[in-house]
Amino acid sequence: MIDAQQSPVQPLVPFDEAHVGDVMSRGVISCTPETPLRVVARMMTTFGIHAIFVFEHEDGADTIAPLWAVVSDLDLVAASQANLDTITAGMTAVTPLVTIPADRRLVEAASLMAQYGIGHLAVTDPRTEHPIGVVSTLDIARAVASGHDARETFPSA
């Protein structure tokens, strides 16, 4: 499943007041646990991203499959000495996947990343709990660095 969009540039708001939805990358790029890591690597390079969501495969289901894990670029690098055509996303993905609703404060996302030692959080819709994007350490760094005040970032659209 591929659904990704860039956020428009908005006026600045204080970093401490920013929400995850203000800085996250919108959209979901995913694969199933059975996807070979070489295919995951191609997806990362094609879309210029550092993480791919892993969803459980549900035959014939009309609902969104549950999030299962995430494969990061670092997971890929760690497995690069092995046969990337036989190792799958499910074998290397970080589980359990840590999620955060889009309406939570950005400082909470940063705290979760530090607590779990991870670089990506799956962002969910606060109402439906469906995945709608990803927030990364780079998104947080960009938020800290933006504007005239190092503690300002862009608000959600």
N, C-alpha and C. Protein backbone atom coordinates (compact mmCIF):
# COMPACT_ATOMS: atom_id res chain seq x y z
N MET A 1 0.85 -1.16 0.00
CA MET A 1 0.00 0.00 0.00
C MET A 1 0.90 1.22 0.00
N ILE A 2 0.62 2.17 -0.86
CA ILE A 2 1.42 3.39 -0.93
C ILE A 2 0.48 4.57 -0.97
N ASP A 3 0.66 5.49 -0.02
CA ASP A 3 -0.14 6.70 0.06
C ASP A 3 0.69 7.72 0.81
N ALA A 4 1.41 8.57 0.10
CA ALA A 4 2.30 9.52 0.76
C ALA A 4 2.13 10.91 0.18
N GLN A 5 2.22 11.93 1.04
CA GLN A 5 2.06 13.31 0.62
C GLN A 5 3.03 14.18 1.41
N GLN A 6 3.40 15.31 0.85
CA GLN A 6 4.22 16.28 1.56
C GLN A 6 3.31 17.30 2.22
N SER A 7 3.72 17.79 3.40
CA SER A 7 2.95 18.80 4.11
C SER A 7 3.27 20.17 3.56
N PRO A 8 2.25 21.06 3.42
CA PRO A 8 2.52 22.42 2.95
C PRO A 8 3.22 23.24 4.02
N VAL A 9 3.94 24.29 3.59
CA VAL A 9 4.63 25.17 4.52
C VAL A 9 3.59 26.06 5.20
N GLN A 10 3.67 26.16 6.52
CA GLN A 10 2.73 26.92 7.33
C GLN A 10 3.48 27.91 8.21
N PRO A 11 2.77 28.87 8.86
CA PRO A 11 3.43 29.77 9.82
C PRO A 11 4.00 28.99 11.00
N LEU A 12 4.90 29.62 11.74
CA LEU A 12 5.56 28.95 12.85
C LEU A 12 4.73 28.99 14.13
N VAL A 13 4.87 27.95 14.95
CA VAL A 13 4.29 27.89 16.30
C VAL A 13 5.41 27.42 17.24
N PRO A 14 5.30 27.71 18.54
CA PRO A 14 6.34 27.26 19.47
C PRO A 14 6.46 25.74 19.48
N PHE A 15 7.70 25.25 19.53
CA PHE A 15 7.96 23.81 19.52
C PHE A 15 7.19 23.09 20.62
N ASP A 16 7.19 23.65 21.82
CA ASP A 16 6.53 23.00 22.95
C ASP A 16 5.02 22.89 22.77
N GLU A 17 4.45 23.67 21.85
CA GLU A 17 3.01 23.62 21.60
C GLU A 17 2.68 22.82 20.33
N ALA A 18 3.68 22.42 19.59
CA ALA A 18 3.47 21.69 18.33
C ALA A 18 2.94 20.29 18.60
N HIS A 19 2.15 19.82 17.66
CA HIS A 19 1.60 18.46 17.72
C HIS A 19 2.30 17.59 16.68
N VAL A 20 2.19 16.28 16.87
CA VAL A 20 2.79 15.32 15.94
C VAL A 20 2.30 15.58 14.52
N GLY A 21 1.01 15.85 14.37
CA GLY A 21 0.44 16.11 13.05
C GLY A 21 1.02 17.33 12.36
N ASP A 22 1.65 18.21 13.12
CA ASP A 22 2.25 19.41 12.55
C ASP A 22 3.51 19.11 11.73
N VAL A 23 4.22 18.04 12.07
CA VAL A 23 5.52 17.79 11.43
C VAL A 23 5.63 16.43 10.77
N MET A 24 4.67 15.56 10.97
CA MET A 24 4.76 14.19 10.45
C MET A 24 4.74 14.17 8.93
N SER A 25 5.26 13.10 8.38
CA SER A 25 5.13 12.84 6.95
C SER A 25 3.80 12.11 6.77
N ARG A 26 2.93 12.68 5.98
CA ARG A 26 1.61 12.09 5.79
C ARG A 26 1.67 10.95 4.79
N GLY A 27 0.90 9.91 5.06
CA GLY A 27 0.82 8.78 4.17
C GLY A 27 1.54 7.57 4.72
N VAL A 28 1.25 6.44 4.10
CA VAL A 28 1.76 5.17 4.57
C VAL A 28 2.36 4.40 3.40
N ILE A 29 3.58 3.98 3.54
CA ILE A 29 4.22 3.09 2.57
C ILE A 29 4.49 1.81 3.33
N SER A 30 3.95 0.70 2.81
CA SER A 30 4.00 -0.53 3.60
C SER A 30 4.26 -1.76 2.75
N CYS A 31 4.50 -2.86 3.46
CA CYS A 31 4.68 -4.16 2.84
C CYS A 31 4.12 -5.21 3.81
N THR A 32 4.09 -6.45 3.36
CA THR A 32 3.67 -7.55 4.24
C THR A 32 4.91 -8.14 4.91
N PRO A 33 4.73 -8.93 5.98
CA PRO A 33 5.89 -9.54 6.64
C PRO A 33 6.70 -10.45 5.72
N GLU A 34 6.07 -10.98 4.66
CA GLU A 34 6.76 -11.90 3.74
C GLU A 34 7.61 -11.21 2.68
N THR A 35 7.60 -9.89 2.62
CA THR A 35 8.34 -9.15 1.61
C THR A 35 9.84 -9.29 1.81
N PRO A 36 10.59 -9.72 0.78
CA PRO A 36 12.05 -9.83 0.90
C PRO A 36 12.69 -8.46 1.18
N LEU A 37 13.76 -8.45 1.95
CA LEU A 37 14.42 -7.19 2.29
C LEU A 37 14.95 -6.44 1.07
N ARG A 38 15.33 -7.15 0.01
CA ARG A 38 15.78 -6.45 -1.19
C ARG A 38 14.65 -5.58 -1.75
N VAL A 39 13.43 -6.08 -1.71
CA VAL A 39 12.26 -5.31 -2.17
C VAL A 39 12.03 -4.12 -1.24
N VAL A 40 12.18 -4.33 0.07
CA VAL A 40 12.06 -3.24 1.03
C VAL A 40 13.10 -2.16 0.73
N ALA A 41 14.33 -2.57 0.45
CA ALA A 41 15.40 -1.61 0.11
C ALA A 41 15.03 -0.81 -1.14
N ARG A 42 14.47 -1.47 -2.14
CA ARG A 42 14.05 -0.77 -3.36
C ARG A 42 12.95 0.23 -3.06
N MET A 43 12.03 -0.14 -2.19
CA MET A 43 10.95 0.78 -1.81
C MET A 43 11.53 2.01 -1.12
N MET A 44 12.49 1.81 -0.22
CA MET A 44 13.10 2.93 0.49
C MET A 44 13.80 3.88 -0.48
N THR A 45 14.54 3.32 -1.41
CA THR A 45 15.26 4.18 -2.35
C THR A 45 14.33 4.85 -3.35
N THR A 46 13.31 4.15 -3.79
CA THR A 46 12.35 4.72 -4.74
C THR A 46 11.63 5.92 -4.15
N PHE A 47 11.20 5.80 -2.89
CA PHE A 47 10.42 6.86 -2.26
C PHE A 47 11.24 7.80 -1.39
N GLY A 48 12.55 7.54 -1.27
CA GLY A 48 13.42 8.41 -0.48
C GLY A 48 13.02 8.45 0.99
N ILE A 49 12.74 7.28 1.56
CA ILE A 49 12.31 7.20 2.95
C ILE A 49 13.24 6.28 3.74
N HIS A 50 13.11 6.30 5.06
CA HIS A 50 13.99 5.53 5.93
C HIS A 50 13.28 4.41 6.67
N ALA A 51 11.97 4.25 6.46
CA ALA A 51 11.22 3.22 7.17
C ALA A 51 10.01 2.79 6.35
N ILE A 52 9.70 1.50 6.45
CA ILE A 52 8.54 0.92 5.77
C ILE A 52 7.68 0.24 6.83
N PHE A 53 6.39 0.55 6.84
CA PHE A 53 5.47 -0.13 7.75
C PHE A 53 5.28 -1.57 7.30
N VAL A 54 5.06 -2.45 8.24
CA VAL A 54 4.77 -3.85 7.94
C VAL A 54 3.36 -4.13 8.46
N PHE A 55 2.47 -4.58 7.56
CA PHE A 55 1.10 -4.91 7.91
C PHE A 55 0.89 -6.40 7.79
N GLU A 56 0.08 -6.95 8.66
CA GLU A 56 -0.33 -8.35 8.50
C GLU A 56 -1.17 -8.46 7.24
N HIS A 57 -1.00 -9.53 6.52
CA HIS A 57 -1.78 -9.76 5.30
C HIS A 57 -3.14 -10.34 5.69
N GLU A 58 -4.20 -9.75 5.17
CA GLU A 58 -5.55 -10.25 5.42
C GLU A 58 -6.22 -10.52 4.08
N ASP A 59 -6.44 -11.79 3.76
CA ASP A 59 -7.05 -12.16 2.48
C ASP A 59 -8.48 -11.66 2.38
N GLY A 60 -8.75 -10.91 1.32
CA GLY A 60 -10.10 -10.47 1.01
C GLY A 60 -10.72 -9.50 1.99
N ALA A 61 -9.96 -8.96 2.91
CA ALA A 61 -10.51 -8.04 3.90
C ALA A 61 -10.65 -6.64 3.30
N ASP A 62 -11.78 -6.00 3.57
CA ASP A 62 -12.00 -4.63 3.11
C ASP A 62 -11.54 -3.61 4.14
N THR A 63 -11.15 -4.07 5.31
CA THR A 63 -10.70 -3.16 6.36
C THR A 63 -9.18 -2.99 6.26
N ILE A 64 -8.69 -1.98 6.93
CA ILE A 64 -7.24 -1.73 6.95
C ILE A 64 -6.60 -2.79 7.83
N ALA A 65 -5.57 -3.44 7.30
CA ALA A 65 -4.85 -4.47 8.05
C ALA A 65 -4.16 -3.83 9.25
N PRO A 66 -4.06 -4.57 10.36
CA PRO A 66 -3.42 -3.99 11.55
C PRO A 66 -1.92 -3.79 11.34
N LEU A 67 -1.42 -2.68 11.89
CA LEU A 67 0.02 -2.44 11.89
C LEU A 67 0.69 -3.54 12.70
N TRP A 68 1.84 -3.97 12.24
CA TRP A 68 2.52 -5.04 12.92
C TRP A 68 3.91 -4.61 13.38
N ALA A 69 4.61 -3.91 12.51
CA ALA A 69 5.99 -3.53 12.82
C ALA A 69 6.47 -2.49 11.82
N VAL A 70 7.75 -2.13 11.92
CA VAL A 70 8.37 -1.22 10.97
C VAL A 70 9.78 -1.73 10.69
N VAL A 71 10.19 -1.63 9.42
CA VAL A 71 11.56 -1.94 9.02
C VAL A 71 12.22 -0.59 8.74
N SER A 72 13.30 -0.31 9.46
CA SER A 72 14.02 0.94 9.24
C SER A 72 15.25 0.69 8.37
N ASP A 73 15.85 1.78 7.92
CA ASP A 73 17.08 1.67 7.15
C ASP A 73 18.18 1.01 7.98
N LEU A 74 18.19 1.23 9.29
CA LEU A 74 19.19 0.60 10.15
C LEU A 74 18.97 -0.91 10.26
N ASP A 75 17.70 -1.34 10.26
CA ASP A 75 17.41 -2.78 10.25
C ASP A 75 17.95 -3.40 8.96
N LEU A 76 17.78 -2.68 7.88
CA LEU A 76 18.25 -3.15 6.58
C LEU A 76 19.79 -3.25 6.56
N VAL A 77 20.44 -2.24 7.08
CA VAL A 77 21.90 -2.25 7.14
C VAL A 77 22.39 -3.41 8.00
N ALA A 78 21.74 -3.65 9.13
CA ALA A 78 22.15 -4.73 10.02
C ALA A 78 22.04 -6.09 9.34
N ALA A 79 21.09 -6.24 8.42
CA ALA A 79 20.89 -7.52 7.73
C ALA A 79 21.62 -7.60 6.40
N SER A 80 22.34 -6.56 6.02
CA SER A 80 22.91 -6.48 4.67
C SER A 80 23.98 -7.54 4.37
N GLN A 81 24.56 -8.15 5.36
CA GLN A 81 25.57 -9.18 5.11
C GLN A 81 24.94 -10.53 4.77
N ALA A 82 23.63 -10.65 4.97
CA ALA A 82 22.92 -11.90 4.69
C ALA A 82 22.29 -11.82 3.29
N ASN A 83 21.61 -12.87 2.90
CA ASN A 83 20.94 -12.91 1.60
C ASN A 83 19.63 -12.12 1.68
N LEU A 84 19.63 -10.92 1.13
CA LEU A 84 18.46 -10.04 1.23
C LEU A 84 17.27 -10.52 0.42
N ASP A 85 17.46 -11.56 -0.39
CA ASP A 85 16.34 -12.12 -1.15
C ASP A 85 15.60 -13.18 -0.35
N THR A 86 16.22 -13.71 0.70
CA THR A 86 15.56 -14.74 1.51
C THR A 86 15.15 -14.23 2.88
N ILE A 87 15.76 -13.16 3.37
CA ILE A 87 15.37 -12.57 4.65
C ILE A 87 14.19 -11.63 4.37
N THR A 88 13.18 -11.70 5.22
CA THR A 88 11.96 -10.93 4.97
C THR A 88 11.82 -9.76 5.94
N ALA A 89 10.89 -8.88 5.61
CA ALA A 89 10.56 -7.75 6.47
C ALA A 89 10.14 -8.24 7.85
N GLY A 90 9.37 -9.30 7.90
CA GLY A 90 8.91 -9.84 9.17
C GLY A 90 10.02 -10.39 10.04
N MET A 91 11.10 -10.83 9.43
CA MET A 91 12.23 -11.38 10.19
C MET A 91 13.09 -10.29 10.82
N THR A 92 13.07 -9.09 10.26
CA THR A 92 13.97 -8.03 10.72
C THR A 92 13.26 -6.83 11.32
N ALA A 93 11.96 -6.76 11.18
CA ALA A 93 11.21 -5.59 11.63
C ALA A 93 11.23 -5.44 13.14
N VAL A 94 11.16 -4.19 13.57
CA VAL A 94 11.09 -3.88 14.99
C VAL A 94 9.65 -4.08 15.45
N THR A 95 9.47 -4.94 16.44
CA THR A 95 8.14 -5.14 17.04
C THR A 95 8.28 -5.03 18.55
N PRO A 96 7.32 -4.61 19.29
CA PRO A 96 6.07 -4.09 18.77
C PRO A 96 6.27 -2.69 18.20
N LEU A 97 5.43 -2.34 17.28
CA LEU A 97 5.46 -1.03 16.67
C LEU A 97 4.93 0.00 17.66
N VAL A 98 5.66 1.09 17.82
CA VAL A 98 5.23 2.15 18.73
C VAL A 98 4.44 3.18 17.91
N THR A 99 3.24 3.49 18.38
CA THR A 99 2.38 4.44 17.67
C THR A 99 2.10 5.65 18.56
N ILE A 100 1.66 6.72 17.89
CA ILE A 100 1.27 7.94 18.60
C ILE A 100 0.17 8.62 17.79
N PRO A 101 -0.89 9.09 18.44
CA PRO A 101 -1.94 9.82 17.72
C PRO A 101 -1.42 11.18 17.23
N ALA A 102 -1.94 11.63 16.11
CA ALA A 102 -1.50 12.89 15.49
C ALA A 102 -1.75 14.10 16.37
N ASP A 103 -2.71 14.01 17.30
CA ASP A 103 -3.03 15.17 18.13
C ASP A 103 -2.19 15.26 19.42
N ARG A 104 -1.23 14.37 19.59
CA ARG A 104 -0.34 14.42 20.76
C ARG A 104 0.77 15.44 20.53
N ARG A 105 1.32 15.95 21.60
CA ARG A 105 2.41 16.94 21.53
C ARG A 105 3.67 16.32 20.94
N LEU A 106 4.40 17.11 20.18
CA LEU A 106 5.64 16.66 19.56
C LEU A 106 6.67 16.25 20.61
N VAL A 107 6.70 16.93 21.74
CA VAL A 107 7.65 16.57 22.80
C VAL A 107 7.37 15.16 23.32
N GLU A 108 6.11 14.72 23.29
CA GLU A 108 5.77 13.36 23.70
C GLU A 108 6.33 12.34 22.70
N ALA A 109 6.26 12.67 21.41
CA ALA A 109 6.84 11.79 20.39
C ALA A 109 8.34 11.66 20.60
N ALA A 110 9.00 12.78 20.86
CA ALA A 110 10.45 12.75 21.09
C ALA A 110 10.77 11.90 22.31
N SER A 111 9.98 12.00 23.35
CA SER A 111 10.18 11.22 24.56
C SER A 111 10.01 9.72 24.29
N LEU A 112 8.99 9.35 23.51
CA LEU A 112 8.78 7.93 23.16
C LEU A 112 9.95 7.38 22.36
N MET A 113 10.46 8.17 21.41
CA MET A 113 11.60 7.73 20.62
C MET A 113 12.81 7.48 21.50
N ALA A 114 13.06 8.39 22.42
CA ALA A 114 14.20 8.24 23.32
C ALA A 114 13.99 7.03 24.25
N GLN A 115 12.79 6.88 24.76
CA GLN A 115 12.48 5.78 25.68
C GLN A 115 12.68 4.41 25.03
N TYR A 116 12.22 4.27 23.78
CA TYR A 116 12.31 2.98 23.09
C TYR A 116 13.56 2.83 22.22
N GLY A 117 14.35 3.90 22.08
CA GLY A 117 15.56 3.84 21.27
C GLY A 117 15.25 3.60 19.80
N ILE A 118 14.21 4.28 19.28
CA ILE A 118 13.79 4.12 17.89
C ILE A 118 13.77 5.46 17.18
N GLY A 119 13.78 5.42 15.86
CA GLY A 119 13.82 6.64 15.07
C GLY A 119 12.52 6.97 14.35
N HIS A 120 11.50 6.11 14.46
CA HIS A 120 10.24 6.33 13.75
C HIS A 120 9.07 5.90 14.61
N LEU A 121 8.01 6.70 14.60
CA LEU A 121 6.75 6.33 15.24
C LEU A 121 5.66 6.31 14.18
N ALA A 122 4.80 5.33 14.23
CA ALA A 122 3.63 5.32 13.35
C ALA A 122 2.63 6.31 13.93
N VAL A 123 2.13 7.20 13.09
CA VAL A 123 1.16 8.20 13.53
C VAL A 123 -0.23 7.70 13.16
N THR A 124 -1.13 7.74 14.13
CA THR A 124 -2.49 7.26 13.91
C THR A 124 -3.50 8.41 13.99
N ASP A 125 -4.63 8.20 13.32
CA ASP A 125 -5.75 9.13 13.42
C ASP A 125 -6.32 8.99 14.83
N PRO A 126 -6.50 10.09 15.55
CA PRO A 126 -6.98 9.99 16.93
C PRO A 126 -8.38 9.37 17.05
N ARG A 127 -9.19 9.51 16.01
CA ARG A 127 -10.56 8.97 16.06
C ARG A 127 -10.62 7.51 15.64
N THR A 128 -9.98 7.17 14.54
CA THR A 128 -10.11 5.81 14.00
C THR A 128 -8.98 4.88 14.42
N GLU A 129 -7.88 5.46 14.88
CA GLU A 129 -6.66 4.72 15.24
C GLU A 129 -6.01 4.05 14.04
N HIS A 130 -6.40 4.43 12.81
CA HIS A 130 -5.77 3.92 11.60
C HIS A 130 -4.48 4.70 11.34
N PRO A 131 -3.48 4.05 10.77
CA PRO A 131 -2.22 4.75 10.47
C PRO A 131 -2.43 5.80 9.38
N ILE A 132 -1.87 6.99 9.61
CA ILE A 132 -2.01 8.07 8.63
C ILE A 132 -0.66 8.68 8.25
N GLY A 133 0.40 8.26 8.91
CA GLY A 133 1.71 8.82 8.59
C GLY A 133 2.79 8.30 9.52
N VAL A 134 3.92 8.98 9.46
CA VAL A 134 5.06 8.61 10.29
C VAL A 134 5.76 9.88 10.77
N VAL A 135 6.27 9.84 11.98
CA VAL A 135 7.10 10.93 12.48
C VAL A 135 8.46 10.32 12.81
N SER A 136 9.51 11.00 12.37
CA SER A 136 10.86 10.48 12.55
C SER A 136 11.71 11.46 13.35
N THR A 137 12.89 10.99 13.72
CA THR A 137 13.82 11.86 14.42
C THR A 137 14.19 13.06 13.54
N LEU A 138 14.25 12.86 12.24
CA LEU A 138 14.55 13.96 11.33
C LEU A 138 13.42 15.00 11.34
N ASP A 139 12.16 14.55 11.42
CA ASP A 139 11.03 15.49 11.52
C ASP A 139 11.16 16.33 12.78
N ILE A 140 11.55 15.71 13.87
CA ILE A 140 11.71 16.45 15.13
C ILE A 140 12.90 17.41 15.03
N ALA A 141 14.01 16.95 14.44
CA ALA A 141 15.16 17.83 14.25
C ALA A 141 14.79 19.02 13.38
N ARG A 142 14.03 18.77 12.32
CA ARG A 142 13.59 19.86 11.43
C ARG A 142 12.71 20.85 12.19
N ALA A 143 11.85 20.34 13.06
CA ALA A 143 10.97 21.21 13.85
C ALA A 143 11.78 22.07 14.82
N VAL A 144 12.79 21.47 15.44
CA VAL A 144 13.63 22.21 16.38
C VAL A 144 14.43 23.28 15.63
N ALA A 145 14.88 22.97 14.42
CA ALA A 145 15.75 23.88 13.67
C ALA A 145 15.00 24.97 12.92
N SER A 146 13.70 24.83 12.73
CA SER A 146 12.97 25.79 11.89
C SER A 146 12.74 27.12 12.58
N GLY A 147 12.62 28.15 11.78
CA GLY A 147 12.26 29.47 12.29
C GLY A 147 13.42 30.22 12.92
N HIS A 148 13.08 31.41 13.45
CA HIS A 148 14.09 32.27 14.08
C HIS A 148 14.41 31.79 15.48
N ASP A 149 13.41 31.21 16.14
CA ASP A 149 13.60 30.64 17.48
C ASP A 149 13.80 29.15 17.32
N ALA A 150 14.83 28.60 17.90
CA ALA A 150 15.12 27.17 17.76
C ALA A 150 14.02 26.29 18.35
N ARG A 151 13.03 26.89 19.01
CA ARG A 151 11.94 26.11 19.61
C ARG A 151 10.62 26.38 18.90
N GLU A 152 10.67 26.69 17.59
CA GLU A 152 9.45 26.91 16.82
C GLU A 152 9.35 25.88 15.69
N THR A 153 8.13 25.60 15.26
CA THR A 153 7.90 24.66 14.18
C THR A 153 6.64 25.07 13.41
N PHE A 154 6.24 24.26 12.44
CA PHE A 154 5.08 24.56 11.63
C PHE A 154 3.81 23.94 12.21
N PRO A 155 2.66 24.64 12.18
CA PRO A 155 1.42 24.05 12.67
C PRO A 155 0.79 23.14 11.64
N SER A 156 -0.16 22.33 12.09
CA SER A 156 -0.86 21.43 11.17
C SER A 156 -1.80 22.22 10.28
N ALA A 157 -2.06 21.66 9.10
CA ALA A 157 -2.91 22.32 8.11
C ALA A 157 -4.37 22.16 8.46
